[in-house]
PDB file of N, CA and C in Angstrom:
ATOM      1  N   MET A   1      -1.545  -0.606  -2.991  1.00  0.00           N
ATOM      2  CA  MET A   1      -1.570   0.499  -3.945  1.00  0.00           C
ATOM      3  C   MET A   1      -1.207  -0.039  -5.332  1.00  0.00           C
ATOM      4  N   LYS A   2      -1.968   0.314  -6.279  1.00  0.00           N
ATOM      5  CA  LYS A   2      -1.758  -0.179  -7.637  1.00  0.00           C
ATOM      6  C   LYS A   2      -0.935   0.803  -8.453  1.00  0.00           C
ATOM      7  N   SER A   3      -0.104   0.266  -9.335  1.00  0.00           N
ATOM      8  CA  SER A   3       0.618   1.110 -10.268  1.00  0.00           C
ATOM      9  C   SER A   3      -0.359   1.564 -11.350  1.00  0.00           C
ATOM     10  N   PRO A   4      -0.038   2.672 -12.048  1.00  0.00           N
ATOM     11  CA  PRO A   4      -0.957   3.159 -13.093  1.00  0.00           C
ATOM     12  C   PRO A   4      -1.306   2.108 -14.130  1.00  0.00           C
ATOM     13  N   ASP A   5      -0.327   1.281 -14.535  1.00  0.00           N
ATOM     14  CA  ASP A   5      -0.615   0.271 -15.550  1.00  0.00           C
ATOM     15  C   ASP A   5      -1.599  -0.774 -15.032  1.00  0.00           C
ATOM     16  N   MET A   6      -1.448  -1.190 -13.780  1.00  0.00           N
ATOM     17  CA  MET A   6      -2.378  -2.156 -13.199  1.00  0.00           C
ATOM     18  C   MET A   6      -3.773  -1.547 -13.070  1.00  0.00           C
ATOM     19  N   TYR A   7      -3.817  -0.266 -12.751  1.00  0.00           N
ATOM     20  CA  TYR A   7      -5.102   0.412 -12.617  1.00  0.00           C
ATOM     21  C   TYR A   7      -5.816   0.482 -13.966  1.00  0.00           C
ATOM     22  N   LEU A   8      -5.078   0.795 -15.033  1.00  0.00           N
ATOM     23  CA  LEU A   8      -5.683   0.867 -16.360  1.00  0.00           C
ATOM     24  C   LEU A   8      -6.289  -0.481 -16.740  1.00  0.00           C
ATOM     25  N   LYS A   9      -5.536  -1.545 -16.520  1.00  0.00           N
ATOM     26  CA  LYS A   9      -6.033  -2.880 -16.875  1.00  0.00           C
ATOM     27  C   LYS A   9      -7.254  -3.240 -16.035  1.00  0.00           C
ATOM     28  N   ALA A  10      -7.192  -2.952 -14.746  1.00  0.00           N
ATOM     29  CA  ALA A  10      -8.321  -3.268 -13.871  1.00  0.00           C
ATOM     30  C   ALA A  10      -9.566  -2.492 -14.283  1.00  0.00           C
ATOM     31  N   ARG A  11      -9.391  -1.217 -14.612  1.00  0.00           N
ATOM     32  CA  ARG A  11     -10.534  -0.396 -15.015  1.00  0.00           C
ATOM     33  C   ARG A  11     -11.105  -0.879 -16.355  1.00  0.00           C
ATOM     34  N   ARG A  12     -10.231  -1.231 -17.283  1.00  0.00           N
ATOM     35  CA  ARG A  12     -10.687  -1.740 -18.578  1.00  0.00           C
ATOM     36  C   ARG A  12     -11.488  -3.021 -18.376  1.00  0.00           C
ATOM     37  N   THR A  13     -10.987  -3.895 -17.537  1.00  0.00           N
ATOM     38  CA  THR A  13     -11.667  -5.150 -17.237  1.00  0.00           C
ATOM     39  C   THR A  13     -13.009  -4.879 -16.564  1.00  0.00           C
ATOM     40  N   GLN A  14     -13.007  -3.940 -15.639  1.00  0.00           N
ATOM     41  CA  GLN A  14     -14.232  -3.571 -14.939  1.00  0.00           C
ATOM     42  C   GLN A  14     -15.305  -3.103 -15.925  1.00  0.00           C
ATOM     43  N   LEU A  15     -14.899  -2.375 -16.941  1.00  0.00           N
ATOM     44  CA  LEU A  15     -15.837  -1.875 -17.942  1.00  0.00           C
ATOM     45  C   LEU A  15     -16.183  -2.919 -19.005  1.00  0.00           C
ATOM     46  N   GLY A  16     -15.481  -4.044 -18.991  1.00  0.00           N
ATOM     47  CA  GLY A  16     -15.751  -5.103 -19.961  1.00  0.00           C
ATOM     48  C   GLY A  16     -15.270  -4.768 -21.363  1.00  0.00           C
ATOM     49  N   LEU A  17     -14.182  -3.984 -21.445  1.00  0.00           N
ATOM     50  CA  LEU A  17     -13.644  -3.568 -22.741  1.00  0.00           C
ATOM     51  C   LEU A  17     -12.392  -4.351 -23.082  1.00  0.00           C
ATOM     52  N   THR A  18     -12.143  -4.520 -24.370  1.00  0.00           N
ATOM     53  CA  THR A  18     -10.886  -5.103 -24.822  1.00  0.00           C
ATOM     54  C   THR A  18      -9.862  -3.971 -24.961  1.00  0.00           C
ATOM     55  N   GLN A  19      -8.610  -4.340 -25.084  1.00  0.00           N
ATOM     56  CA  GLN A  19      -7.581  -3.325 -25.329  1.00  0.00           C
ATOM     57  C   GLN A  19      -7.858  -2.595 -26.637  1.00  0.00           C
ATOM     58  N   GLN A  20      -8.295  -3.322 -27.645  1.00  0.00           N
ATOM     59  CA  GLN A  20      -8.600  -2.700 -28.935  1.00  0.00           C
ATOM     60  C   GLN A  20      -9.741  -1.694 -28.803  1.00  0.00           C
ATOM     61  N   GLU A  21     -10.750  -2.022 -28.032  1.00  0.00           N
ATOM     62  CA  GLU A  21     -11.876  -1.104 -27.840  1.00  0.00           C
ATOM     63  C   GLU A  21     -11.434   0.184 -27.148  1.00  0.00           C
ATOM     64  N   VAL A  22     -10.564   0.064 -26.148  1.00  0.00           N
ATOM     65  CA  VAL A  22     -10.051   1.256 -25.477  1.00  0.00           C
ATOM     66  C   VAL A  22      -9.234   2.089 -26.456  1.00  0.00           C
ATOM     67  N   ALA A  23      -8.366   1.437 -27.200  1.00  0.00           N
ATOM     68  CA  ALA A  23      -7.547   2.155 -28.183  1.00  0.00           C
ATOM     69  C   ALA A  23      -8.439   2.866 -29.205  1.00  0.00           C
ATOM     70  N   ASP A  24      -9.473   2.190 -29.667  1.00  0.00           N
ATOM     71  CA  ASP A  24     -10.393   2.810 -30.635  1.00  0.00           C
ATOM     72  C   ASP A  24     -11.112   4.002 -30.031  1.00  0.00           C
ATOM     73  N   LEU A  25     -11.611   3.846 -28.804  1.00  0.00           N
ATOM     74  CA  LEU A  25     -12.300   4.952 -28.133  1.00  0.00           C
ATOM     75  C   LEU A  25     -11.373   6.145 -27.916  1.00  0.00           C
ATOM     76  N   ALA A  26     -10.110   5.843 -27.609  1.00  0.00           N
ATOM     77  CA  ALA A  26      -9.123   6.893 -27.354  1.00  0.00           C
ATOM     78  C   ALA A  26      -8.498   7.424 -28.644  1.00  0.00           C
ATOM     79  N   GLN A  27      -8.802   6.773 -29.753  1.00  0.00           N
ATOM     80  CA  GLN A  27      -8.257   7.147 -31.059  1.00  0.00           C
ATOM     81  C   GLN A  27      -6.726   7.103 -31.070  1.00  0.00           C
ATOM     82  N   ILE A  28      -6.194   6.011 -30.506  1.00  0.00           N
ATOM     83  CA  ILE A  28      -4.754   5.778 -30.530  1.00  0.00           C
ATOM     84  C   ILE A  28      -4.521   4.368 -31.074  1.00  0.00           C
ATOM     85  N   GLN A  29      -3.288   4.057 -31.381  1.00  0.00           N
ATOM     86  CA  GLN A  29      -2.932   2.736 -31.873  1.00  0.00           C
ATOM     87  C   GLN A  29      -3.018   1.713 -30.733  1.00  0.00           C
ATOM     88  N   LEU A  30      -3.426   0.506 -31.061  1.00  0.00           N
ATOM     89  CA  LEU A  30      -3.520  -0.567 -30.075  1.00  0.00           C
ATOM     90  C   LEU A  30      -2.193  -0.747 -29.350  1.00  0.00           C
ATOM     91  N   ARG A  31      -1.107  -0.789 -30.088  1.00  0.00           N
ATOM     92  CA  ARG A  31       0.222  -1.003 -29.483  1.00  0.00           C
ATOM     93  C   ARG A  31       0.544   0.088 -28.458  1.00  0.00           C
ATOM     94  N   GLN A  32       0.140   1.311 -28.756  1.00  0.00           N
ATOM     95  CA  GLN A  32       0.393   2.409 -27.824  1.00  0.00           C
ATOM     96  C   GLN A  32      -0.355   2.169 -26.516  1.00  0.00           C
ATOM     97  N   TYR A  33      -1.612   1.755 -26.596  1.00  0.00           N
ATOM     98  CA  TYR A  33      -2.365   1.470 -25.375  1.00  0.00           C
ATOM     99  C   TYR A  33      -1.765   0.275 -24.638  1.00  0.00           C
ATOM    100  N   GLN A  34      -1.378  -0.751 -25.375  1.00  0.00           N
ATOM    101  CA  GLN A  34      -0.788  -1.934 -24.741  1.00  0.00           C
ATOM    102  C   GLN A  34       0.458  -1.568 -23.942  1.00  0.00           C
ATOM    103  N   ARG A  35       1.255  -0.639 -24.458  1.00  0.00           N
ATOM    104  CA  ARG A  35       2.462  -0.216 -23.734  1.00  0.00           C
ATOM    105  C   ARG A  35       2.101   0.455 -22.407  1.00  0.00           C
ATOM    106  N   PHE A  36       1.023   1.236 -22.404  1.00  0.00           N
ATOM    107  CA  PHE A  36       0.575   1.850 -21.147  1.00  0.00           C
ATOM    108  C   PHE A  36       0.145   0.780 -20.157  1.00  0.00           C
ATOM    109  N   GLU A  37      -0.622  -0.178 -20.651  1.00  0.00           N
ATOM    110  CA  GLU A  37      -1.162  -1.206 -19.770  1.00  0.00           C
ATOM    111  C   GLU A  37      -0.087  -2.177 -19.287  1.00  0.00           C
ATOM    112  N   MET A  38       0.937  -2.415 -20.097  1.00  0.00           N
ATOM    113  CA  MET A  38       2.031  -3.313 -19.700  1.00  0.00           C
ATOM    114  C   MET A  38       3.024  -2.610 -18.786  1.00  0.00           C
ATOM    115  N   GLY A  39       2.960  -1.291 -18.750  1.00  0.00           N
ATOM    116  CA  GLY A  39       3.887  -0.546 -17.903  1.00  0.00           C
ATOM    117  C   GLY A  39       5.193  -0.195 -18.581  1.00  0.00           C
ATOM    118  N   SER A  40       5.337  -0.529 -19.869  1.00  0.00           N
ATOM    119  CA  SER A  40       6.572  -0.180 -20.562  1.00  0.00           C
ATOM    120  C   SER A  40       6.590   1.303 -20.930  1.00  0.00           C
ATOM    121  N   ARG A  41       5.436   1.947 -20.857  1.00  0.00           N
ATOM    122  CA  ARG A  41       5.343   3.395 -21.050  1.00  0.00           C
ATOM    123  C   ARG A  41       4.384   3.931 -19.998  1.00  0.00           C
ATOM    124  N   ASP A  42       4.799   4.948 -19.259  1.00  0.00           N
ATOM    125  CA  ASP A  42       3.991   5.531 -18.193  1.00  0.00           C
ATOM    126  C   ASP A  42       3.011   6.540 -18.790  1.00  0.00           C
ATOM    127  N   ILE A  43       1.732   6.285 -18.616  1.00  0.00           N
ATOM    128  CA  ILE A  43       0.726   7.178 -19.189  1.00  0.00           C
ATOM    129  C   ILE A  43       0.816   8.583 -18.596  1.00  0.00           C
ATOM    130  N   ARG A  44       1.351   8.692 -17.385  1.00  0.00           N
ATOM    131  CA  ARG A  44       1.489  10.016 -16.756  1.00  0.00           C
ATOM    132  C   ARG A  44       2.542  10.863 -17.453  1.00  0.00           C
ATOM    133  N   ARG A  45       3.356  10.245 -18.289  1.00  0.00           N
ATOM    134  CA  ARG A  45       4.389  10.972 -19.038  1.00  0.00           C
ATOM    135  C   ARG A  45       4.031  11.142 -20.518  1.00  0.00           C
ATOM    136  N   ALA A  46       2.845  10.670 -20.887  1.00  0.00           N
ATOM    137  CA  ALA A  46       2.378  10.824 -22.277  1.00  0.00           C
ATOM    138  C   ALA A  46       1.917  12.259 -22.487  1.00  0.00           C
ATOM    139  N   SER A  47       1.665  12.617 -23.737  1.00  0.00           N
ATOM    140  CA  SER A  47       1.140  13.958 -24.003  1.00  0.00           C
ATOM    141  C   SER A  47      -0.217  14.090 -23.318  1.00  0.00           C
ATOM    142  N   PHE A  48      -0.582  15.317 -23.001  1.00  0.00           N
ATOM    143  CA  PHE A  48      -1.851  15.547 -22.325  1.00  0.00           C
ATOM    144  C   PHE A  48      -3.013  14.977 -23.133  1.00  0.00           C
ATOM    145  N   MET A  49      -3.025  15.207 -24.439  1.00  0.00           N
ATOM    146  CA  MET A  49      -4.143  14.752 -25.271  1.00  0.00           C
ATOM    147  C   MET A  49      -4.267  13.229 -25.277  1.00  0.00           C
ATOM    148  N   VAL A  50      -3.160  12.537 -25.347  1.00  0.00           N
ATOM    149  CA  VAL A  50      -3.209  11.073 -25.339  1.00  0.00           C
ATOM    150  C   VAL A  50      -3.717  10.583 -23.985  1.00  0.00           C
ATOM    151  N   ALA A  51      -3.152  11.120 -22.900  1.00  0.00           N
ATOM    152  CA  ALA A  51      -3.595  10.713 -21.560  1.00  0.00           C
ATOM    153  C   ALA A  51      -5.077  11.027 -21.368  1.00  0.00           C
ATOM    154  N   TYR A  52      -5.490  12.214 -21.806  1.00  0.00           N
ATOM    155  CA  TYR A  52      -6.889  12.619 -21.670  1.00  0.00           C
ATOM    156  C   TYR A  52      -7.818  11.664 -22.423  1.00  0.00           C
ATOM    157  N   LYS A  53      -7.447  11.298 -23.637  1.00  0.00           N
ATOM    158  CA  LYS A  53      -8.292  10.411 -24.440  1.00  0.00           C
ATOM    159  C   LYS A  53      -8.416   9.025 -23.814  1.00  0.00           C
ATOM    160  N   VAL A  54      -7.315   8.516 -23.269  1.00  0.00           N
ATOM    161  CA  VAL A  54      -7.354   7.206 -22.613  1.00  0.00           C
ATOM    162  C   VAL A  54      -8.207   7.284 -21.356  1.00  0.00           C
ATOM    163  N   MET A  55      -8.021   8.334 -20.566  1.00  0.00           N
ATOM    164  CA  MET A  55      -8.818   8.501 -19.341  1.00  0.00           C
ATOM    165  C   MET A  55     -10.303   8.621 -19.678  1.00  0.00           C
ATOM    166  N   ARG A  56     -10.619   9.360 -20.713  1.00  0.00           N
ATOM    167  CA  ARG A  56     -12.011   9.519 -21.134  1.00  0.00           C
ATOM    168  C   ARG A  56     -12.580   8.173 -21.587  1.00  0.00           C
ATOM    169  N   ALA A  57     -11.796   7.410 -22.342  1.00  0.00           N
ATOM    170  CA  ALA A  57     -12.251   6.096 -22.819  1.00  0.00           C
ATOM    171  C   ALA A  57     -12.534   5.150 -21.650  1.00  0.00           C
ATOM    172  N   LEU A  58     -11.741   5.271 -20.590  1.00  0.00           N
ATOM    173  CA  LEU A  58     -11.894   4.405 -19.422  1.00  0.00           C
ATOM    174  C   LEU A  58     -12.774   5.022 -18.336  1.00  0.00           C
ATOM    175  N   GLN A  59     -13.342   6.186 -18.643  1.00  0.00           N
ATOM    176  CA  GLN A  59     -14.229   6.876 -17.698  1.00  0.00           C
ATOM    177  C   GLN A  59     -13.542   7.125 -16.352  1.00  0.00           C
ATOM    178  N   ILE A  60     -12.306   7.606 -16.439  1.00  0.00           N
ATOM    179  CA  ILE A  60     -11.504   7.913 -15.255  1.00  0.00           C
ATOM    180  C   ILE A  60     -11.341   9.424 -15.170  1.00  0.00           C
ATOM    181  N   ASP A  61     -11.513   9.984 -13.995  1.00  0.00           N
ATOM    182  CA  ASP A  61     -11.277  11.409 -13.778  1.00  0.00           C
ATOM    183  C   ASP A  61      -9.769  11.659 -13.872  1.00  0.00           C
ATOM    184  N   ILE A  62      -9.354  12.401 -14.887  1.00  0.00           N
ATOM    185  CA  ILE A  62      -7.915  12.595 -15.123  1.00  0.00           C
ATOM    186  C   ILE A  62      -7.234  13.325 -13.971  1.00  0.00           C
ATOM    187  N   ASP A  63      -7.919  14.268 -13.338  1.00  0.00           N
ATOM    188  CA  ASP A  63      -7.324  14.972 -12.198  1.00  0.00           C
ATOM    189  C   ASP A  63      -7.012  14.011 -11.065  1.00  0.00           C
ATOM    190  N   LYS A  64      -7.966  13.146 -10.745  1.00  0.00           N
ATOM    191  CA  LYS A  64      -7.761  12.182  -9.665  1.00  0.00           C
ATOM    192  C   LYS A  64      -6.683  11.171 -10.033  1.00  0.00           C
ATOM    193  N   PHE A  65      -6.675  10.748 -11.287  1.00  0.00           N
ATOM    194  CA  PHE A  65      -5.678   9.766 -11.709  1.00  0.00           C
ATOM    195  C   PHE A  65      -4.273  10.340 -11.599  1.00  0.00           C
ATOM    196  N   MET A  66      -4.083  11.540 -12.155  1.00  0.00           N
ATOM    197  CA  MET A  66      -2.748  12.136 -12.171  1.00  0.00           C
ATOM    198  C   MET A  66      -2.255  12.515 -10.775  1.00  0.00           C
ATOM    199  N   SER A  67      -3.178  12.812  -9.867  1.00  0.00           N
ATOM    200  CA  SER A  67      -2.773  13.178  -8.511  1.00  0.00           C
ATOM    201  C   SER A  67      -2.638  11.958  -7.600  1.00  0.00           C
ATOM    202  N   GLY A  68      -3.017  10.798  -8.115  1.00  0.00           N
ATOM    203  CA  GLY A  68      -2.893   9.574  -7.322  1.00  0.00           C
ATOM    204  C   GLY A  68      -4.109   9.253  -6.486  1.00  0.00           C
ATOM    205  N   GLU A  69      -5.152  10.061  -6.549  1.00  0.00           N
ATOM    206  CA  GLU A  69      -6.337   9.826  -5.735  1.00  0.00           C
ATOM    207  C   GLU A  69      -7.110   8.591  -6.171  1.00  0.00           C
ATOM    208  N   HIS A  70      -6.823   8.082  -7.353  1.00  0.00           N
ATOM    209  CA  HIS A  70      -7.550   6.908  -7.823  1.00  0.00           C
ATOM    210  C   HIS A  70      -7.260   5.691  -6.962  1.00  0.00           C
ATOM    211  N   TRP A  71      -6.224   5.735  -6.157  1.00  0.00           N
ATOM    212  CA  TRP A  71      -5.900   4.601  -5.298  1.00  0.00           C
ATOM    213  C   TRP A  71      -6.910   4.459  -4.161  1.00  0.00           C
ATOM    214  N   ILE A  72      -7.584   5.540  -3.822  1.00  0.00           N
ATOM    215  CA  ILE A  72      -8.458   5.550  -2.652  1.00  0.00           C
ATOM    216  C   ILE A  72      -9.683   4.664  -2.855  1.00  0.00           C
ATOM    217  N   GLY A  73     -10.298   4.765  -4.013  1.00  0.00           N
ATOM    218  CA  GLY A  73     -11.526   4.018  -4.266  1.00  0.00           C
ATOM    219  C   GLY A  73     -11.282   2.546  -4.497  1.00  0.00           C
ATOM    220  N   ARG A  74     -12.347   1.808  -4.389  1.00  0.00           N
ATOM    221  CA  ARG A  74     -12.270   0.372  -4.671  1.00  0.00           C
ATOM    222  C   ARG A  74     -12.467   0.137  -6.155  1.00  0.00           C
ATOM    223  N   ILE A  75     -11.785  -0.851  -6.665  1.00  0.00           N
ATOM    224  CA  ILE A  75     -11.959  -1.261  -8.046  1.00  0.00           C
ATOM    225  C   ILE A  75     -12.716  -2.582  -8.011  1.00  0.00           C
ATOM    226  N   LEU A  76     -13.854  -2.600  -8.670  1.00  0.00           N
ATOM    227  CA  LEU A  76     -14.668  -3.806  -8.694  1.00  0.00           C
ATOM    228  C   LEU A  76     -14.489  -4.536 -10.013  1.00  0.00           C
ATOM    229  N   CYS A  77     -14.410  -5.850  -9.929  1.00  0.00           N
ATOM    230  CA  CYS A  77     -14.314  -6.687 -11.122  1.00  0.00           C
ATOM    231  C   CYS A  77     -15.352  -7.800 -11.011  1.00  0.00           C
ATOM    232  N   ARG A  78     -15.891  -8.178 -12.156  1.00  0.00           N
ATOM    233  CA  ARG A  78     -16.909  -9.224 -12.176  1.00  0.00           C
ATOM    234  C   ARG A  78     -16.238 -10.595 -12.125  1.00  0.00           C
ATOM    235  N   GLY A  79     -16.697 -11.413 -11.201  1.00  0.00           N
ATOM    236  CA  GLY A  79     -16.174 -12.760 -11.063  1.00  0.00           C
ATOM    237  C   GLY A  79     -16.825 -13.711 -12.039  1.00  0.00           C
ATOM    238  N   SER A  80     -16.358 -14.940 -12.078  1.00  0.00           N
ATOM    239  CA  SER A  80     -16.911 -15.938 -12.999  1.00  0.00           C
ATOM    240  C   SER A  80     -18.362 -16.278 -12.668  1.00  0.00           C
ATOM    241  N   ASP A  81     -18.782 -15.943 -11.446  1.00  0.00           N
ATOM    242  CA  ASP A  81     -20.174 -16.182 -11.046  1.00  0.00           C
ATOM    243  C   ASP A  81     -21.094 -15.020 -11.418  1.00  0.00           C
ATOM    244  N   GLY A  82     -20.513 -13.979 -12.048  1.00  0.00           N
ATOM    245  CA  GLY A  82     -21.307 -12.828 -12.466  1.00  0.00           C
ATOM    246  C   GLY A  82     -21.440 -11.740 -11.416  1.00  0.00           C
ATOM    247  N   LYS A  83     -20.966 -11.983 -10.198  1.00  0.00           N
ATOM    248  CA  LYS A  83     -21.049 -10.986  -9.125  1.00  0.00           C
ATOM    249  C   LYS A  83     -19.837 -10.060  -9.179  1.00  0.00           C
ATOM    250  N   LEU A  84     -19.999  -8.863  -8.590  1.00  0.00           N
ATOM    251  CA  LEU A  84     -18.886  -7.917  -8.511  1.00  0.00           C
ATOM    252  C   LEU A  84     -18.112  -8.129  -7.218  1.00  0.00           C
ATOM    253  N   TYR A  85     -16.773  -8.053  -7.343  1.00  0.00           N
ATOM    254  CA  TYR A  85     -15.885  -8.244  -6.202  1.00  0.00           C
ATOM    255  C   TYR A  85     -14.851  -7.134  -6.171  1.00  0.00           C
ATOM    256  N   ASP A  86     -14.390  -6.779  -4.953  1.00  0.00           N
ATOM    257  CA  ASP A  86     -13.288  -5.836  -4.796  1.00  0.00           C
ATOM    258  C   ASP A  86     -12.048  -6.520  -5.363  1.00  0.00           C
ATOM    259  N   LEU A  87     -11.347  -5.836  -6.267  1.00  0.00           N
ATOM    260  CA  LEU A  87     -10.201  -6.432  -6.951  1.00  0.00           C
ATOM    261  C   LEU A  87      -9.085  -6.805  -5.976  1.00  0.00           C
ATOM    262  N   GLU A  88      -8.853  -5.972  -4.973  1.00  0.00           N
ATOM    263  CA  GLU A  88      -7.726  -6.223  -4.074  1.00  0.00           C
ATOM    264  C   GLU A  88      -8.048  -7.223  -2.975  1.00  0.00           C
ATOM    265  N   THR A  89      -9.262  -7.173  -2.420  1.00  0.00           N
ATOM    266  CA  THR A  89      -9.588  -8.018  -1.272  1.00  0.00           C
ATOM    267  C   THR A  89     -10.403  -9.246  -1.624  1.00  0.00           C
ATOM    268  N   GLY A  90     -11.101  -9.195  -2.768  1.00  0.00           N
ATOM    269  CA  GLY A  90     -11.966 -10.300  -3.148  1.00  0.00           C
ATOM    270  C   GLY A  90     -13.306 -10.294  -2.439  1.00  0.00           C
ATOM    271  N   ILE A  91     -13.583  -9.228  -1.687  1.00  0.00           N
ATOM    272  CA  ILE A  91     -14.844  -9.124  -0.957  1.00  0.00           C
ATOM    273  C   ILE A  91     -15.980  -8.832  -1.938  1.00  0.00           C
ATOM    274  N   PRO A  92     -17.107  -9.571  -1.831  1.00  0.00           N
ATOM    275  CA  PRO A  92     -18.240  -9.292  -2.725  1.00  0.00           C
ATOM    276  C   PRO A  92     -18.795  -7.888  -2.515  1.00  0.00           C
ATOM    277  N   GLU A  93     -19.300  -7.291  -3.586  1.00  0.00           N
ATOM    278  CA  GLU A  93     -19.802  -5.912  -3.550  1.00  0.00           C
ATOM    279  C   GLU A  93     -20.875  -5.722  -2.482  1.00  0.00           C
ATOM    280  N   GLU A  94     -21.788  -6.683  -2.345  1.00  0.00           N
ATOM    281  CA  GLU A  94     -22.854  -6.513  -1.367  1.00  0.00           C
ATOM    282  C   GLU A  94     -22.325  -6.408   0.064  1.00  0.00           C
ATOM    283  N   GLU A  95     -21.194  -7.039   0.348  1.00  0.00           N
ATOM    284  CA  GLU A  95     -20.585  -6.914   1.679  1.00  0.00           C
ATOM    285  C   GLU A  95     -19.897  -5.576   1.845  1.00  0.00           C
ATOM    286  N   ILE A  96     -19.352  -5.023   0.752  1.00  0.00           N
ATOM    287  CA  ILE A  96     -18.699  -3.719   0.799  1.00  0.00           C
ATOM    288  C   ILE A  96     -19.744  -2.651   1.068  1.00  0.00           C
ATOM    289  N   VAL A  97     -20.883  -2.731   0.385  1.00  0.00           N
ATOM    290  CA  VAL A  97     -21.954  -1.754   0.544  1.00  0.00           C
ATOM    291  C   VAL A  97     -22.483  -1.750   1.965  1.00  0.00           C
ATOM    292  N   SER A  98     -22.509  -2.896   2.631  1.00  0.00           N
ATOM    293  CA  SER A  98     -23.057  -2.968   3.980  1.00  0.00           C
ATOM    294  C   SER A  98     -22.053  -2.599   5.062  1.00  0.00           C
ATOM    295  N   GLU A  99     -20.802  -2.285   4.689  1.00  0.00           N
ATOM    296  CA  GLU A  99     -19.769  -1.903   5.681  1.00  0.00           C
ATOM    297  C   GLU A  99     -20.112  -0.604   6.358  1.00  0.00           C
TER     298      GLU A  99
END
């Protein structure tokens, strides 16, 4: 199970965005986003508008995120070979699809 900060970083990486790009999309300061991603500030305790903007920038369903349902799905990240892999298990996407 991933903590919210780890999930934010994994999702940002999955989308191929920099921290600055997420902050710009969310219309917040870079440092504010970095604190969420580092875990020094819990995004679940931020104002609704700030949390909503970050979730929208990362294309995350805010209801699922806040209720913890985001842990259920797999997070895919692109490997150095260009293929997608499950972040937690390292299983290639094509093997996940065939399960």
